[in-house]
Amino acid sequence: MATTVLTVTDKAARKVAALAAKGGREAAILRVRVIAGGCSGFSYELGFEDVAGSDDLVIDGDGGVRVLVDPQSARIIKGSTLDLDEHLMGGGLKVRNPQAIGECACGDSFSI
């Protein structure tokens, strides 16, 4: 059985849609990318794009929200969940990655 690369929770989908609408980009697609850096080795980068790349994995979430993941990032986040953390300090969209074996104290960087 294949493992889903990324699951988007309902709360996260609503937040993504609200952020896109606030920026006047209702049709924008959320890009989730893993980049080298941070105190633990890798960090997540989230941003909006207007079109998918030819090799992107396109994930359809609730409410019409779409997420793009490039093949290299897909291997690192396989089985992850995009969720909304509503804490006042450090809240926002968070990738919950079961492959991460360590995180920095700030929670913005991880190692696998």
PDB file of N, CA and C in Angstrom:
ATOM      1  N   MET A   1       0.838  -1.179   0.000  1.00  0.00           N
ATOM      2  CA  MET A   1       0.000   0.000   0.000  1.00  0.00           C
ATOM      3  C   MET A   1       0.884   1.244   0.000  1.00  0.00           C
ATOM      4  N   ALA A   2       0.603   2.186  -0.890  1.00  0.00           N
ATOM      5  CA  ALA A   2       1.385   3.407  -1.021  1.00  0.00           C
ATOM      6  C   ALA A   2       1.048   4.391   0.094  1.00  0.00           C
ATOM      7  N   THR A   3       2.064   5.073   0.589  1.00  0.00           N
ATOM      8  CA  THR A   3       1.877   6.102   1.611  1.00  0.00           C
ATOM      9  C   THR A   3       1.632   7.432   0.923  1.00  0.00           C
ATOM     10  N   THR A   4       0.633   8.150   1.391  1.00  0.00           N
ATOM     11  CA  THR A   4       0.342   9.475   0.872  1.00  0.00           C
ATOM     12  C   THR A   4       1.491  10.405   1.226  1.00  0.00           C
ATOM     13  N   VAL A   5       1.878  11.264   0.303  1.00  0.00           N
ATOM     14  CA  VAL A   5       2.980  12.195   0.560  1.00  0.00           C
ATOM     15  C   VAL A   5       2.585  13.219   1.609  1.00  0.00           C
ATOM     16  N   LEU A   6       1.424  13.837   1.454  1.00  0.00           N
ATOM     17  CA  LEU A   6       1.018  14.907   2.369  1.00  0.00           C
ATOM     18  C   LEU A   6      -0.501  14.930   2.473  1.00  0.00           C
ATOM     19  N   THR A   7      -0.987  14.936   3.694  1.00  0.00           N
ATOM     20  CA  THR A   7      -2.406  15.084   3.969  1.00  0.00           C
ATOM     21  C   THR A   7      -2.624  16.489   4.498  1.00  0.00           C
ATOM     22  N   VAL A   8      -3.663  17.154   4.033  1.00  0.00           N
ATOM     23  CA  VAL A   8      -3.979  18.516   4.470  1.00  0.00           C
ATOM     24  C   VAL A   8      -5.212  18.448   5.359  1.00  0.00           C
ATOM     25  N   THR A   9      -5.081  18.905   6.610  1.00  0.00           N
ATOM     26  CA  THR A   9      -6.230  18.897   7.520  1.00  0.00           C
ATOM     27  C   THR A   9      -7.237  19.962   7.086  1.00  0.00           C
ATOM     28  N   ASP A  10      -8.463  19.817   7.557  1.00  0.00           N
ATOM     29  CA  ASP A  10      -9.507  20.803   7.245  1.00  0.00           C
ATOM     30  C   ASP A  10      -9.109  22.199   7.720  1.00  0.00           C
ATOM     31  N   LYS A  11      -8.554  22.288   8.941  1.00  0.00           N
ATOM     32  CA  LYS A  11      -8.148  23.591   9.484  1.00  0.00           C
ATOM     33  C   LYS A  11      -7.063  24.230   8.622  1.00  0.00           C
ATOM     34  N   ALA A  12      -6.107  23.424   8.182  1.00  0.00           N
ATOM     35  CA  ALA A  12      -5.032  23.951   7.343  1.00  0.00           C
ATOM     36  C   ALA A  12      -5.583  24.405   5.993  1.00  0.00           C
ATOM     37  N   ALA A  13      -6.499  23.629   5.410  1.00  0.00           N
ATOM     38  CA  ALA A  13      -7.089  23.991   4.117  1.00  0.00           C
ATOM     39  C   ALA A  13      -7.832  25.329   4.217  1.00  0.00           C
ATOM     40  N   ARG A  14      -8.573  25.511   5.300  1.00  0.00           N
ATOM     41  CA  ARG A  14      -9.290  26.788   5.480  1.00  0.00           C
ATOM     42  C   ARG A  14      -8.317  27.955   5.622  1.00  0.00           C
ATOM     43  N   LYS A  15      -7.208  27.755   6.347  1.00  0.00           N
ATOM     44  CA  LYS A  15      -6.212  28.808   6.526  1.00  0.00           C
ATOM     45  C   LYS A  15      -5.532  29.140   5.209  1.00  0.00           C
ATOM     46  N   VAL A  16      -5.178  28.127   4.439  1.00  0.00           N
ATOM     47  CA  VAL A  16      -4.544  28.352   3.135  1.00  0.00           C
ATOM     48  C   VAL A  16      -5.483  29.144   2.228  1.00  0.00           C
ATOM     49  N   ALA A  17      -6.752  28.758   2.185  1.00  0.00           N
ATOM     50  CA  ALA A  17      -7.731  29.471   1.352  1.00  0.00           C
ATOM     51  C   ALA A  17      -7.886  30.910   1.812  1.00  0.00           C
ATOM     52  N   ALA A  18      -7.905  31.141   3.125  1.00  0.00           N
ATOM     53  CA  ALA A  18      -8.044  32.495   3.653  1.00  0.00           C
ATOM     54  C   ALA A  18      -6.820  33.347   3.319  1.00  0.00           C
ATOM     55  N   LEU A  19      -5.630  32.771   3.426  1.00  0.00           N
ATOM     56  CA  LEU A  19      -4.410  33.515   3.091  1.00  0.00           C
ATOM     57  C   LEU A  19      -4.362  33.864   1.612  1.00  0.00           C
ATOM     58  N   ALA A  20      -4.748  32.929   0.767  1.00  0.00           N
ATOM     59  CA  ALA A  20      -4.765  33.190  -0.672  1.00  0.00           C
ATOM     60  C   ALA A  20      -5.765  34.286  -1.001  1.00  0.00           C
ATOM     61  N   ALA A  21      -6.942  34.228  -0.394  1.00  0.00           N
ATOM     62  CA  ALA A  21      -7.975  35.245  -0.646  1.00  0.00           C
ATOM     63  C   ALA A  21      -7.523  36.606  -0.142  1.00  0.00           C
ATOM     64  N   LYS A  22      -6.892  36.637   1.018  1.00  0.00           N
ATOM     65  CA  LYS A  22      -6.407  37.903   1.584  1.00  0.00           C
ATOM     66  C   LYS A  22      -5.392  38.563   0.649  1.00  0.00           C
ATOM     67  N   GLY A  23      -4.590  37.751  -0.002  1.00  0.00           N
ATOM     68  CA  GLY A  23      -3.599  38.264  -0.949  1.00  0.00           C
ATOM     69  C   GLY A  23      -4.155  38.481  -2.347  1.00  0.00           C
ATOM     70  N   GLY A  24      -5.469  38.268  -2.521  1.00  0.00           N
ATOM     71  CA  GLY A  24      -6.084  38.460  -3.830  1.00  0.00           C
ATOM     72  C   GLY A  24      -5.691  37.392  -4.836  1.00  0.00           C
ATOM     73  N   ARG A  25      -5.319  36.208  -4.339  1.00  0.00           N
ATOM     74  CA  ARG A  25      -4.843  35.129  -5.213  1.00  0.00           C
ATOM     75  C   ARG A  25      -5.634  33.854  -4.948  1.00  0.00           C
ATOM     76  N   GLU A  26      -6.942  33.937  -5.061  1.00  0.00           N
ATOM     77  CA  GLU A  26      -7.815  32.808  -4.740  1.00  0.00           C
ATOM     78  C   GLU A  26      -7.461  31.533  -5.500  1.00  0.00           C
ATOM     79  N   ALA A  27      -6.930  31.652  -6.700  1.00  0.00           N
ATOM     80  CA  ALA A  27      -6.600  30.479  -7.515  1.00  0.00           C
ATOM     81  C   ALA A  27      -5.165  29.999  -7.294  1.00  0.00           C
ATOM     82  N   ALA A  28      -4.430  30.649  -6.393  1.00  0.00           N
ATOM     83  CA  ALA A  28      -3.039  30.279  -6.159  1.00  0.00           C
ATOM     84  C   ALA A  28      -2.946  28.890  -5.529  1.00  0.00           C
ATOM     85  N   ILE A  29      -1.805  28.243  -5.754  1.00  0.00           N
ATOM     86  CA  ILE A  29      -1.536  26.900  -5.246  1.00  0.00           C
ATOM     87  C   ILE A  29      -0.426  27.013  -4.198  1.00  0.00           C
ATOM     88  N   LEU A  30      -0.616  26.362  -3.065  1.00  0.00           N
ATOM     89  CA  LEU A  30       0.400  26.397  -2.019  1.00  0.00           C
ATOM     90  C   LEU A  30       1.554  25.464  -2.376  1.00  0.00           C
ATOM     91  N   ARG A  31       2.769  25.983  -2.321  1.00  0.00           N
ATOM     92  CA  ARG A  31       3.976  25.180  -2.549  1.00  0.00           C
ATOM     93  C   ARG A  31       4.554  24.821  -1.187  1.00  0.00           C
ATOM     94  N   VAL A  32       4.812  23.525  -0.948  1.00  0.00           N
ATOM     95  CA  VAL A  32       5.518  23.056   0.234  1.00  0.00           C
ATOM     96  C   VAL A  32       6.842  22.497  -0.257  1.00  0.00           C
ATOM     97  N   ARG A  33       7.935  23.074   0.240  1.00  0.00           N
ATOM     98  CA  ARG A  33       9.269  22.685  -0.217  1.00  0.00           C
ATOM     99  C   ARG A  33      10.155  22.450   1.007  1.00  0.00           C
ATOM    100  N   VAL A  34      11.045  21.487   0.909  1.00  0.00           N
ATOM    101  CA  VAL A  34      12.059  21.262   1.929  1.00  0.00           C
ATOM    102  C   VAL A  34      13.353  21.862   1.402  1.00  0.00           C
ATOM    103  N   ILE A  35      13.988  22.697   2.230  1.00  0.00           N
ATOM    104  CA  ILE A  35      15.249  23.315   1.838  1.00  0.00           C
ATOM    105  C   ILE A  35      16.326  22.967   2.865  1.00  0.00           C
ATOM    106  N   ALA A  36      17.555  22.915   2.415  1.00  0.00           N
ATOM    107  CA  ALA A  36      18.668  22.695   3.328  1.00  0.00           C
ATOM    108  C   ALA A  36      18.888  23.961   4.129  1.00  0.00           C
ATOM    109  N   GLY A  37      19.092  23.787   5.425  1.00  0.00           N
ATOM    110  CA  GLY A  37      19.353  24.944   6.271  1.00  0.00           C
ATOM    111  C   GLY A  37      18.668  24.818   7.609  1.00  0.00           C
ATOM    112  N   GLY A  38      18.856  25.821   8.424  1.00  0.00           N
ATOM    113  CA  GLY A  38      18.320  25.789   9.773  1.00  0.00           C
ATOM    114  C   GLY A  38      19.281  25.054  10.683  1.00  0.00           C
ATOM    115  N   CYS A  39      19.041  25.144  11.961  1.00  0.00           N
ATOM    116  CA  CYS A  39      19.979  24.571  12.926  1.00  0.00           C
ATOM    117  C   CYS A  39      19.937  23.045  12.988  1.00  0.00           C
ATOM    118  N   SER A  40      18.916  22.416  12.422  1.00  0.00           N
ATOM    119  CA  SER A  40      18.850  20.951  12.449  1.00  0.00           C
ATOM    120  C   SER A  40      19.098  20.299  11.093  1.00  0.00           C
ATOM    121  N   GLY A  41      19.286  21.088  10.047  1.00  0.00           N
ATOM    122  CA  GLY A  41      19.633  20.530   8.741  1.00  0.00           C
ATOM    123  C   GLY A  41      18.659  20.821   7.621  1.00  0.00           C
ATOM    124  N   PHE A  42      17.348  20.793   7.907  1.00  0.00           N
ATOM    125  CA  PHE A  42      16.332  21.069   6.892  1.00  0.00           C
ATOM    126  C   PHE A  42      15.284  22.013   7.456  1.00  0.00           C
ATOM    127  N   SER A  43      14.651  22.768   6.556  1.00  0.00           N
ATOM    128  CA  SER A  43      13.536  23.639   6.924  1.00  0.00           C
ATOM    129  C   SER A  43      12.448  23.514   5.865  1.00  0.00           C
ATOM    130  N   TYR A  44      11.241  23.857   6.253  1.00  0.00           N
ATOM    131  CA  TYR A  44      10.126  23.889   5.311  1.00  0.00           C
ATOM    132  C   TYR A  44       9.976  25.302   4.785  1.00  0.00           C
ATOM    133  N   GLU A  45       9.647  25.396   3.509  1.00  0.00           N
ATOM    134  CA  GLU A  45       9.373  26.684   2.881  1.00  0.00           C
ATOM    135  C   GLU A  45       7.983  26.592   2.263  1.00  0.00           C
ATOM    136  N   LEU A  46       7.104  27.504   2.640  1.00  0.00           N
ATOM    137  CA  LEU A  46       5.744  27.527   2.111  1.00  0.00           C
ATOM    138  C   LEU A  46       5.524  28.848   1.404  1.00  0.00           C
ATOM    139  N   GLY A  47       4.865  28.792   0.258  1.00  0.00           N
ATOM    140  CA  GLY A  47       4.561  29.997  -0.497  1.00  0.00           C
ATOM    141  C   GLY A  47       3.539  29.678  -1.573  1.00  0.00           C
ATOM    142  N   PHE A  48       3.018  30.718  -2.181  1.00  0.00           N
ATOM    143  CA  PHE A  48       2.008  30.527  -3.217  1.00  0.00           C
ATOM    144  C   PHE A  48       2.617  30.638  -4.604  1.00  0.00           C
ATOM    145  N   GLU A  49       2.104  29.813  -5.523  1.00  0.00           N
ATOM    146  CA  GLU A  49       2.483  29.862  -6.930  1.00  0.00           C
ATOM    147  C   GLU A  49       1.217  29.817  -7.767  1.00  0.00           C
ATOM    148  N   ASP A  50       1.334  30.274  -9.012  1.00  0.00           N
ATOM    149  CA  ASP A  50       0.162  30.324  -9.887  1.00  0.00           C
ATOM    150  C   ASP A  50      -0.015  29.073 -10.739  1.00  0.00           C
ATOM    151  N   VAL A  51       1.094  28.374 -11.028  1.00  0.00           N
ATOM    152  CA  VAL A  51       1.017  27.168 -11.854  1.00  0.00           C
ATOM    153  C   VAL A  51       1.946  26.097 -11.292  1.00  0.00           C
ATOM    154  N   ALA A  52       1.604  24.861 -11.574  1.00  0.00           N
ATOM    155  CA  ALA A  52       2.439  23.731 -11.164  1.00  0.00           C
ATOM    156  C   ALA A  52       3.553  23.515 -12.172  1.00  0.00           C
ATOM    157  N   GLY A  53       4.698  23.048 -11.693  1.00  0.00           N
ATOM    158  CA  GLY A  53       5.781  22.653 -12.582  1.00  0.00           C
ATOM    159  C   GLY A  53       5.474  21.296 -13.196  1.00  0.00           C
ATOM    160  N   SER A  54       6.163  20.961 -14.258  1.00  0.00           N
ATOM    161  CA  SER A  54       5.864  19.716 -14.977  1.00  0.00           C
ATOM    162  C   SER A  54       6.116  18.466 -14.140  1.00  0.00           C
ATOM    163  N   ASP A  55       7.031  18.530 -13.167  1.00  0.00           N
ATOM    164  CA  ASP A  55       7.318  17.348 -12.356  1.00  0.00           C
ATOM    165  C   ASP A  55       6.727  17.418 -10.947  1.00  0.00           C
ATOM    166  N   ASP A  56       5.929  18.452 -10.662  1.00  0.00           N
ATOM    167  CA  ASP A  56       5.329  18.608  -9.338  1.00  0.00           C
ATOM    168  C   ASP A  56       4.240  17.586  -9.071  1.00  0.00           C
ATOM    169  N   LEU A  57       4.174  17.157  -7.829  1.00  0.00           N
ATOM    170  CA  LEU A  57       3.049  16.370  -7.349  1.00  0.00           C
ATOM    171  C   LEU A  57       1.991  17.383  -6.917  1.00  0.00           C
ATOM    172  N   VAL A  58       0.773  17.235  -7.397  1.00  0.00           N
ATOM    173  CA  VAL A  58      -0.318  18.147  -7.050  1.00  0.00           C
ATOM    174  C   VAL A  58      -1.269  17.399  -6.126  1.00  0.00           C
ATOM    175  N   ILE A  59      -1.436  17.938  -4.918  1.00  0.00           N
ATOM    176  CA  ILE A  59      -2.291  17.322  -3.908  1.00  0.00           C
ATOM    177  C   ILE A  59      -3.545  18.166  -3.771  1.00  0.00           C
ATOM    178  N   ASP A  60      -4.703  17.533  -3.926  1.00  0.00           N
ATOM    179  CA  ASP A  60      -5.976  18.228  -3.786  1.00  0.00           C
ATOM    180  C   ASP A  60      -6.468  18.076  -2.354  1.00  0.00           C
ATOM    181  N   GLY A  61      -6.652  19.218  -1.680  1.00  0.00           N
ATOM    182  CA  GLY A  61      -7.165  19.211  -0.319  1.00  0.00           C
ATOM    183  C   GLY A  61      -8.619  19.633  -0.290  1.00  0.00           C
ATOM    184  N   ASP A  62      -9.178  19.692   0.894  1.00  0.00           N
ATOM    185  CA  ASP A  62     -10.569  20.107   1.056  1.00  0.00           C
ATOM    186  C   ASP A  62     -10.774  21.548   0.624  1.00  0.00           C
ATOM    187  N   GLY A  63     -11.984  21.858   0.209  1.00  0.00           N
ATOM    188  CA  GLY A  63     -12.339  23.222  -0.155  1.00  0.00           C
ATOM    189  C   GLY A  63     -11.663  23.734  -1.408  1.00  0.00           C
ATOM    190  N   GLY A  64     -11.172  22.828  -2.248  1.00  0.00           N
ATOM    191  CA  GLY A  64     -10.533  23.248  -3.490  1.00  0.00           C
ATOM    192  C   GLY A  64      -9.089  23.673  -3.338  1.00  0.00           C
ATOM    193  N   VAL A  65      -8.526  23.538  -2.139  1.00  0.00           N
ATOM    194  CA  VAL A  65      -7.130  23.917  -1.912  1.00  0.00           C
ATOM    195  C   VAL A  65      -6.223  22.889  -2.575  1.00  0.00           C
ATOM    196  N   ARG A  66      -5.220  23.388  -3.304  1.00  0.00           N
ATOM    197  CA  ARG A  66      -4.238  22.514  -3.944  1.00  0.00           C
ATOM    198  C   ARG A  66      -2.859  22.821  -3.391  1.00  0.00           C
ATOM    199  N   VAL A  67      -2.026  21.770  -3.278  1.00  0.00           N
ATOM    200  CA  VAL A  67      -0.676  21.894  -2.747  1.00  0.00           C
ATOM    201  C   VAL A  67       0.290  21.276  -3.738  1.00  0.00           C
ATOM    202  N   LEU A  68       1.402  21.956  -3.969  1.00  0.00           N
ATOM    203  CA  LEU A  68       2.462  21.464  -4.856  1.00  0.00           C
ATOM    204  C   LEU A  68       3.640  20.980  -4.030  1.00  0.00           C
ATOM    205  N   VAL A  69       4.207  19.836  -4.431  1.00  0.00           N
ATOM    206  CA  VAL A  69       5.408  19.311  -3.796  1.00  0.00           C
ATOM    207  C   VAL A  69       6.325  18.809  -4.902  1.00  0.00           C
ATOM    208  N   ASP A  70       7.575  19.263  -4.898  1.00  0.00           N
ATOM    209  CA  ASP A  70       8.535  18.789  -5.891  1.00  0.00           C
ATOM    210  C   ASP A  70       8.990  17.383  -5.509  1.00  0.00           C
ATOM    211  N   PRO A  71       9.503  16.610  -6.463  1.00  0.00           N
ATOM    212  CA  PRO A  71       9.869  15.215  -6.198  1.00  0.00           C
ATOM    213  C   PRO A  71      10.885  15.030  -5.066  1.00  0.00           C
ATOM    214  N   GLN A  72      11.884  15.897  -4.970  1.00  0.00           N
ATOM    215  CA  GLN A  72      12.896  15.763  -3.922  1.00  0.00           C
ATOM    216  C   GLN A  72      12.277  15.993  -2.542  1.00  0.00           C
ATOM    217  N   SER A  73      11.437  17.017  -2.415  1.00  0.00           N
ATOM    218  CA  SER A  73      10.770  17.290  -1.141  1.00  0.00           C
ATOM    219  C   SER A  73       9.788  16.187  -0.794  1.00  0.00           C
ATOM    220  N   ALA A  74       9.139  15.610  -1.809  1.00  0.00           N
ATOM    221  CA  ALA A  74       8.148  14.559  -1.578  1.00  0.00           C
ATOM    222  C   ALA A  74       8.764  13.368  -0.852  1.00  0.00           C
ATOM    223  N   ARG A  75       9.998  13.020  -1.192  1.00  0.00           N
ATOM    224  CA  ARG A  75      10.658  11.897  -0.524  1.00  0.00           C
ATOM    225  C   ARG A  75      10.874  12.189   0.964  1.00  0.00           C
ATOM    226  N   ILE A  76      11.149  13.439   1.290  1.00  0.00           N
ATOM    227  CA  ILE A  76      11.453  13.812   2.676  1.00  0.00           C
ATOM    228  C   ILE A  76      10.190  13.983   3.515  1.00  0.00           C
ATOM    229  N   ILE A  77       9.092  14.406   2.901  1.00  0.00           N
ATOM    230  CA  ILE A  77       7.867  14.650   3.682  1.00  0.00           C
ATOM    231  C   ILE A  77       6.832  13.535   3.547  1.00  0.00           C
ATOM    232  N   LYS A  78       7.183  12.454   2.887  1.00  0.00           N
ATOM    233  CA  LYS A  78       6.234  11.353   2.673  1.00  0.00           C
ATOM    234  C   LYS A  78       5.588  10.928   3.997  1.00  0.00           C
ATOM    235  N   GLY A  79       4.254  10.882   4.007  1.00  0.00           N
ATOM    236  CA  GLY A  79       3.507  10.498   5.198  1.00  0.00           C
ATOM    237  C   GLY A  79       3.188  11.651   6.128  1.00  0.00           C
ATOM    238  N   SER A  80       3.534  12.875   5.735  1.00  0.00           N
ATOM    239  CA  SER A  80       3.342  14.048   6.595  1.00  0.00           C
ATOM    240  C   SER A  80       1.920  14.593   6.526  1.00  0.00           C
ATOM    241  N   THR A  81       1.635  15.472   7.479  1.00  0.00           N
ATOM    242  CA  THR A  81       0.357  16.166   7.546  1.00  0.00           C
ATOM    243  C   THR A  81       0.617  17.657   7.630  1.00  0.00           C
ATOM    244  N   LEU A  82      -0.095  18.428   6.813  1.00  0.00           N
ATOM    245  CA  LEU A  82      -0.065  19.891   6.920  1.00  0.00           C
ATOM    246  C   LEU A  82      -1.229  20.266   7.821  1.00  0.00           C
ATOM    247  N   ASP A  83      -0.916  20.901   8.954  1.00  0.00           N
ATOM    248  CA  ASP A  83      -1.920  21.220   9.952  1.00  0.00           C
ATOM    249  C   ASP A  83      -1.806  22.687  10.331  1.00  0.00           C
ATOM    250  N   LEU A  84      -2.779  23.157  11.088  1.00  0.00           N
ATOM    251  CA  LEU A  84      -2.772  24.526  11.593  1.00  0.00           C
ATOM    252  C   LEU A  84      -2.564  24.478  13.086  1.00  0.00           C
ATOM    253  N   ASP A  85      -1.496  25.108  13.551  1.00  0.00           N
ATOM    254  CA  ASP A  85      -1.204  25.237  14.979  1.00  0.00           C
ATOM    255  C   ASP A  85      -1.700  26.611  15.394  1.00  0.00           C
ATOM    256  N   GLU A  86      -2.635  26.654  16.319  1.00  0.00           N
ATOM    257  CA  GLU A  86      -3.268  27.919  16.678  1.00  0.00           C
ATOM    258  C   GLU A  86      -2.724  28.545  17.960  1.00  0.00           C
ATOM    259  N   HIS A  87      -1.518  28.175  18.374  1.00  0.00           N
ATOM    260  CA  HIS A  87      -0.890  28.797  19.538  1.00  0.00           C
ATOM    261  C   HIS A  87      -0.531  30.245  19.222  1.00  0.00           C
ATOM    262  N   LEU A  88      -0.586  31.094  20.213  1.00  0.00           N
ATOM    263  CA  LEU A  88      -0.235  32.502  20.011  1.00  0.00           C
ATOM    264  C   LEU A  88       1.237  32.654  19.650  1.00  0.00           C
ATOM    265  N   MET A  89       2.088  31.879  20.288  1.00  0.00           N
ATOM    266  CA  MET A  89       3.523  31.938  20.007  1.00  0.00           C
ATOM    267  C   MET A  89       3.888  30.757  19.117  1.00  0.00           C
ATOM    268  N   GLY A  90       4.344  31.027  17.922  1.00  0.00           N
ATOM    269  CA  GLY A  90       4.784  29.963  17.023  1.00  0.00           C
ATOM    270  C   GLY A  90       3.664  29.260  16.286  1.00  0.00           C
ATOM    271  N   GLY A  91       2.479  29.850  16.276  1.00  0.00           N
ATOM    272  CA  GLY A  91       1.357  29.242  15.566  1.00  0.00           C
ATOM    273  C   GLY A  91       1.477  29.431  14.066  1.00  0.00           C
ATOM    274  N   GLY A  92       0.588  28.799  13.327  1.00  0.00           N
ATOM    275  CA  GLY A  92       0.561  28.909  11.877  1.00  0.00           C
ATOM    276  C   GLY A  92       0.531  27.542  11.238  1.00  0.00           C
ATOM    277  N   LEU A  93       0.755  27.499   9.953  1.00  0.00           N
ATOM    278  CA  LEU A  93       0.782  26.229   9.229  1.00  0.00           C
ATOM    279  C   LEU A  93       2.032  25.450   9.633  1.00  0.00           C
ATOM    280  N   LYS A  94       1.838  24.181   9.939  1.00  0.00           N
ATOM    281  CA  LYS A  94       2.941  23.328  10.378  1.00  0.00           C
ATOM    282  C   LYS A  94       2.907  22.007   9.640  1.00  0.00           C
ATOM    283  N   VAL A  95       4.069  21.533   9.230  1.00  0.00           N
ATOM    284  CA  VAL A  95       4.199  20.210   8.635  1.00  0.00           C
ATOM    285  C   VAL A  95       4.565  19.252   9.758  1.00  0.00           C
ATOM    286  N   ARG A  96       3.742  18.250   9.955  1.00  0.00           N
ATOM    287  CA  ARG A  96       4.002  17.213  10.960  1.00  0.00           C
ATOM    288  C   ARG A  96       4.572  16.009  10.196  1.00  0.00           C
ATOM    289  N   ASN A  97       5.885  15.813  10.329  1.00  0.00           N
ATOM    290  CA  ASN A  97       6.609  14.840   9.522  1.00  0.00           C
ATOM    291  C   ASN A  97       7.035  13.645  10.369  1.00  0.00           C
ATOM    292  N   PRO A  98       6.477  12.455  10.097  1.00  0.00           N
ATOM    293  CA  PRO A  98       6.860  11.275  10.878  1.00  0.00           C
ATOM    294  C   PRO A  98       8.296  10.822  10.617  1.00  0.00           C
ATOM    295  N   GLN A  99       8.923  11.312   9.551  1.00  0.00           N
ATOM    296  CA  GLN A  99      10.307  10.945   9.255  1.00  0.00           C
ATOM    297  C   GLN A  99      11.317  11.795  10.014  1.00  0.00           C
ATOM    298  N   ALA A 100      10.875  12.927  10.569  1.00  0.00           N
ATOM    299  CA  ALA A 100      11.787  13.808  11.300  1.00  0.00           C
ATOM    300  C   ALA A 100      12.211  13.125  12.596  1.00  0.00           C
ATOM    301  N   ILE A 101      13.504  13.050  12.823  1.00  0.00           N
ATOM    302  CA  ILE A 101      14.002  12.416  14.048  1.00  0.00           C
ATOM    303  C   ILE A 101      14.433  13.445  15.082  1.00  0.00           C
ATOM    304  N   GLY A 102      14.479  14.701  14.688  1.00  0.00           N
ATOM    305  CA  GLY A 102      14.841  15.761  15.620  1.00  0.00           C
ATOM    306  C   GLY A 102      14.393  17.105  15.098  1.00  0.00           C
ATOM    307  N   GLU A 103      14.115  18.014  16.020  1.00  0.00           N
ATOM    308  CA  GLU A 103      13.744  19.385  15.672  1.00  0.00           C
ATOM    309  C   GLU A 103      14.554  20.341  16.525  1.00  0.00           C
ATOM    310  N   CYS A 104      14.768  21.536  16.014  1.00  0.00           N
ATOM    311  CA  CYS A 104      15.427  22.549  16.820  1.00  0.00           C
ATOM    312  C   CYS A 104      14.423  23.095  17.842  1.00  0.00           C
ATOM    313  N   ALA A 105      14.895  23.831  18.787  1.00  0.00           N
ATOM    314  CA  ALA A 105      14.036  24.364  19.850  1.00  0.00           C
ATOM    315  C   ALA A 105      12.956  25.291  19.307  1.00  0.00           C
ATOM    316  N   CYS A 106      13.245  26.004  18.220  1.00  0.00           N
ATOM    317  CA  CYS A 106      12.251  26.940  17.675  1.00  0.00           C
ATOM    318  C   CYS A 106      11.182  26.219  16.864  1.00  0.00           C
ATOM    319  N   GLY A 107      11.427  24.965  16.479  1.00  0.00           N
ATOM    320  CA  GLY A 107      10.445  24.189  15.736  1.00  0.00           C
ATOM    321  C   GLY A 107      10.418  24.475  14.251  1.00  0.00           C
ATOM    322  N   ASP A 108      11.344  25.297  13.752  1.00  0.00           N
ATOM    323  CA  ASP A 108      11.365  25.652  12.327  1.00  0.00           C
ATOM    324  C   ASP A 108      12.323  24.785  11.518  1.00  0.00           C
ATOM    325  N   SER A 109      13.117  23.982  12.161  1.00  0.00           N
ATOM    326  CA  SER A 109      14.112  23.187  11.469  1.00  0.00           C
ATOM    327  C   SER A 109      14.040  21.749  11.977  1.00  0.00           C
ATOM    328  N   PHE A 110      14.412  20.785  11.109  1.00  0.00           N
ATOM    329  CA  PHE A 110      14.327  19.381  11.500  1.00  0.00           C
ATOM    330  C   PHE A 110      15.438  18.574  10.865  1.00  0.00           C
ATOM    331  N   SER A 111      15.639  17.383  11.382  1.00  0.00           N
ATOM    332  CA  SER A 111      16.611  16.449  10.805  1.00  0.00           C
ATOM    333  C   SER A 111      15.931  15.126  10.544  1.00  0.00           C
ATOM    334  N   ILE A 112      16.465  14.387   9.575  1.00  0.00           N
ATOM    335  CA  ILE A 112      15.922  13.064   9.257  1.00  0.00           C
ATOM    336  C   ILE A 112      17.032  12.033   9.299  1.00  0.00           C
TER     337      ILE A 112
END
